[in-house]
Amino acid sequence: MGNAGMEFLLLWADELDDALAVLRHYAPRILGLIVALALFAATGLALILAPHVTLAVFAVILSATLFETLRRRRARIAAERDD
């Protein structure tokens, strides 16, 4: 009976080790999902509580993204011309 109990504990410890390894592997993805869901909820709350301010912030962020994309595209085209 003692050997069966020891074997059970060793198998359980092995399975636990495998589960922790998988968790360590997927931890960044899981945390990223949690952060994305939290940002989505915060955005919804901000749109309910202060829609004008939230939309203005969105406009500024989207404009900055657009200008940065255009700047990089122009820099890439200029670099290709120089080559």
C-alpha atoms as a PDB file:
ATOM      1  CA  MET A   1       0.000   0.000   0.000  1.00  0.00           C
ATOM      2  CA  GLY A   2       2.893   2.345   0.691  1.00  0.00           C
ATOM      3  CA  ASN A   3       4.362   1.999  -2.810  1.00  0.00           C
ATOM      4  CA  ALA A   4       1.028   2.805  -4.440  1.00  0.00           C
ATOM      5  CA  GLY A   5       0.678   5.940  -2.337  1.00  0.00           C
ATOM      6  CA  MET A   6       4.221   7.039  -3.185  1.00  0.00           C
ATOM      7  CA  GLU A   7       3.624   6.392  -6.886  1.00  0.00           C
ATOM      8  CA  PHE A   8       0.422   8.435  -6.738  1.00  0.00           C
ATOM      9  CA  LEU A   9       2.261  11.343  -5.098  1.00  0.00           C
ATOM     10  CA  LEU A  10       5.080  11.213  -7.654  1.00  0.00           C
ATOM     11  CA  LEU A  11       2.625  11.199 -10.551  1.00  0.00           C
ATOM     12  CA  TRP A  12       0.684  14.057  -8.953  1.00  0.00           C
ATOM     13  CA  ALA A  13       3.878  16.089  -8.489  1.00  0.00           C
ATOM     14  CA  ASP A  14       4.850  15.421 -12.116  1.00  0.00           C
ATOM     15  CA  GLU A  15       1.450  16.574 -13.366  1.00  0.00           C
ATOM     16  CA  LEU A  16       1.663  19.672 -11.167  1.00  0.00           C
ATOM     17  CA  ASP A  17       5.108  20.464 -12.564  1.00  0.00           C
ATOM     18  CA  ASP A  18       3.788  20.117 -16.128  1.00  0.00           C
ATOM     19  CA  ALA A  19       0.815  22.360 -15.347  1.00  0.00           C
ATOM     20  CA  LEU A  20       3.083  25.045 -13.860  1.00  0.00           C
ATOM     21  CA  ALA A  21       5.362  24.896 -16.909  1.00  0.00           C
ATOM     22  CA  VAL A  22       2.382  25.443 -19.199  1.00  0.00           C
ATOM     23  CA  LEU A  23       1.185  28.294 -17.007  1.00  0.00           C
ATOM     24  CA  ARG A  24       4.623  29.943 -17.156  1.00  0.00           C
ATOM     25  CA  HIS A  25       4.599  29.552 -20.925  1.00  0.00           C
ATOM     26  CA  TYR A  26       1.150  31.114 -21.381  1.00  0.00           C
ATOM     27  CA  ALA A  27       1.383  33.705 -18.584  1.00  0.00           C
ATOM     28  CA  PRO A  28       2.219  36.645 -20.907  1.00  0.00           C
ATOM     29  CA  ARG A  29      -0.757  35.831 -23.140  1.00  0.00           C
ATOM     30  CA  ILE A  30      -3.083  35.428 -20.184  1.00  0.00           C
ATOM     31  CA  LEU A  31      -1.918  38.708 -18.649  1.00  0.00           C
ATOM     32  CA  GLY A  32      -2.250  40.433 -22.011  1.00  0.00           C
ATOM     33  CA  LEU A  33      -5.827  39.230 -22.295  1.00  0.00           C
ATOM     34  CA  ILE A  34      -6.630  40.434 -18.789  1.00  0.00           C
ATOM     35  CA  VAL A  35      -5.104  43.857 -19.526  1.00  0.00           C
ATOM     36  CA  ALA A  36      -7.015  44.111 -22.816  1.00  0.00           C
ATOM     37  CA  LEU A  37     -10.294  43.239 -21.098  1.00  0.00           C
ATOM     38  CA  ALA A  38      -9.597  45.760 -18.335  1.00  0.00           C
ATOM     39  CA  LEU A  39      -8.856  48.484 -20.896  1.00  0.00           C
ATOM     40  CA  PHE A  40     -12.034  47.611 -22.770  1.00  0.00           C
ATOM     41  CA  ALA A  41     -14.076  47.885 -19.567  1.00  0.00           C
ATOM     42  CA  ALA A  42     -12.359  51.139 -18.602  1.00  0.00           C
ATOM     43  CA  THR A  43     -13.074  52.560 -22.057  1.00  0.00           C
ATOM     44  CA  GLY A  44     -16.751  51.676 -21.764  1.00  0.00           C
ATOM     45  CA  LEU A  45     -16.907  53.251 -18.322  1.00  0.00           C
ATOM     46  CA  ALA A  46     -15.122  56.373 -19.561  1.00  0.00           C
ATOM     47  CA  LEU A  47     -17.528  56.667 -22.491  1.00  0.00           C
ATOM     48  CA  ILE A  48     -20.451  56.500 -20.061  1.00  0.00           C
ATOM     49  CA  LEU A  49     -19.040  58.933 -17.487  1.00  0.00           C
ATOM     50  CA  ALA A  50     -17.244  61.466 -19.715  1.00  0.00           C
ATOM     51  CA  PRO A  51     -18.023  60.865 -23.391  1.00  0.00           C
ATOM     52  CA  HIS A  52     -16.693  64.170 -24.738  1.00  0.00           C
ATOM     53  CA  VAL A  53     -13.347  63.892 -22.999  1.00  0.00           C
ATOM     54  CA  THR A  54     -12.984  60.234 -23.950  1.00  0.00           C
ATOM     55  CA  LEU A  55     -13.732  60.884 -27.599  1.00  0.00           C
ATOM     56  CA  ALA A  56     -11.285  63.803 -27.632  1.00  0.00           C
ATOM     57  CA  VAL A  57      -8.572  61.533 -26.194  1.00  0.00           C
ATOM     58  CA  PHE A  58      -9.380  58.905 -28.837  1.00  0.00           C
ATOM     59  CA  ALA A  59      -9.098  61.535 -31.572  1.00  0.00           C
ATOM     60  CA  VAL A  60      -5.691  62.658 -30.312  1.00  0.00           C
ATOM     61  CA  ILE A  61      -4.398  59.077 -30.070  1.00  0.00           C
ATOM     62  CA  LEU A  62      -5.672  58.161 -33.542  1.00  0.00           C
ATOM     63  CA  SER A  63      -4.228  61.348 -35.040  1.00  0.00           C
ATOM     64  CA  ALA A  64      -0.844  60.678 -33.458  1.00  0.00           C
ATOM     65  CA  THR A  65      -0.937  57.118 -34.785  1.00  0.00           C
ATOM     66  CA  LEU A  66      -1.822  58.320 -38.264  1.00  0.00           C
ATOM     67  CA  PHE A  67       0.931  60.949 -38.301  1.00  0.00           C
ATOM     68  CA  GLU A  68       3.500  58.445 -37.042  1.00  0.00           C
ATOM     69  CA  THR A  69       2.482  55.941 -39.735  1.00  0.00           C
ATOM     70  CA  LEU A  70       2.801  58.589 -42.426  1.00  0.00           C
ATOM     71  CA  ARG A  71       6.195  59.710 -41.078  1.00  0.00           C
ATOM     72  CA  ARG A  72       7.519  56.142 -41.131  1.00  0.00           C
ATOM     73  CA  ARG A  73       6.164  55.538 -44.629  1.00  0.00           C
ATOM     74  CA  ARG A  74       7.810  58.717 -45.921  1.00  0.00           C
ATOM     75  CA  ALA A  75      11.093  57.822 -44.200  1.00  0.00           C
ATOM     76  CA  ARG A  76      11.007  54.334 -45.745  1.00  0.00           C
ATOM     77  CA  ILE A  77      10.318  55.746 -49.216  1.00  0.00           C
ATOM     78  CA  ALA A  78      13.134  58.280 -48.805  1.00  0.00           C
ATOM     79  CA  ALA A  79      15.510  55.518 -47.668  1.00  0.00           C
ATOM     80  CA  GLU A  80      14.556  53.383 -50.686  1.00  0.00           C
ATOM     81  CA  ARG A  81      15.274  56.307 -53.027  1.00  0.00           C
ATOM     82  CA  ASP A  82      18.701  56.807 -51.481  1.00  0.00           C
ATOM     83  CA  ASP A  83      19.622  53.161 -52.061  1.00  0.00           C
END
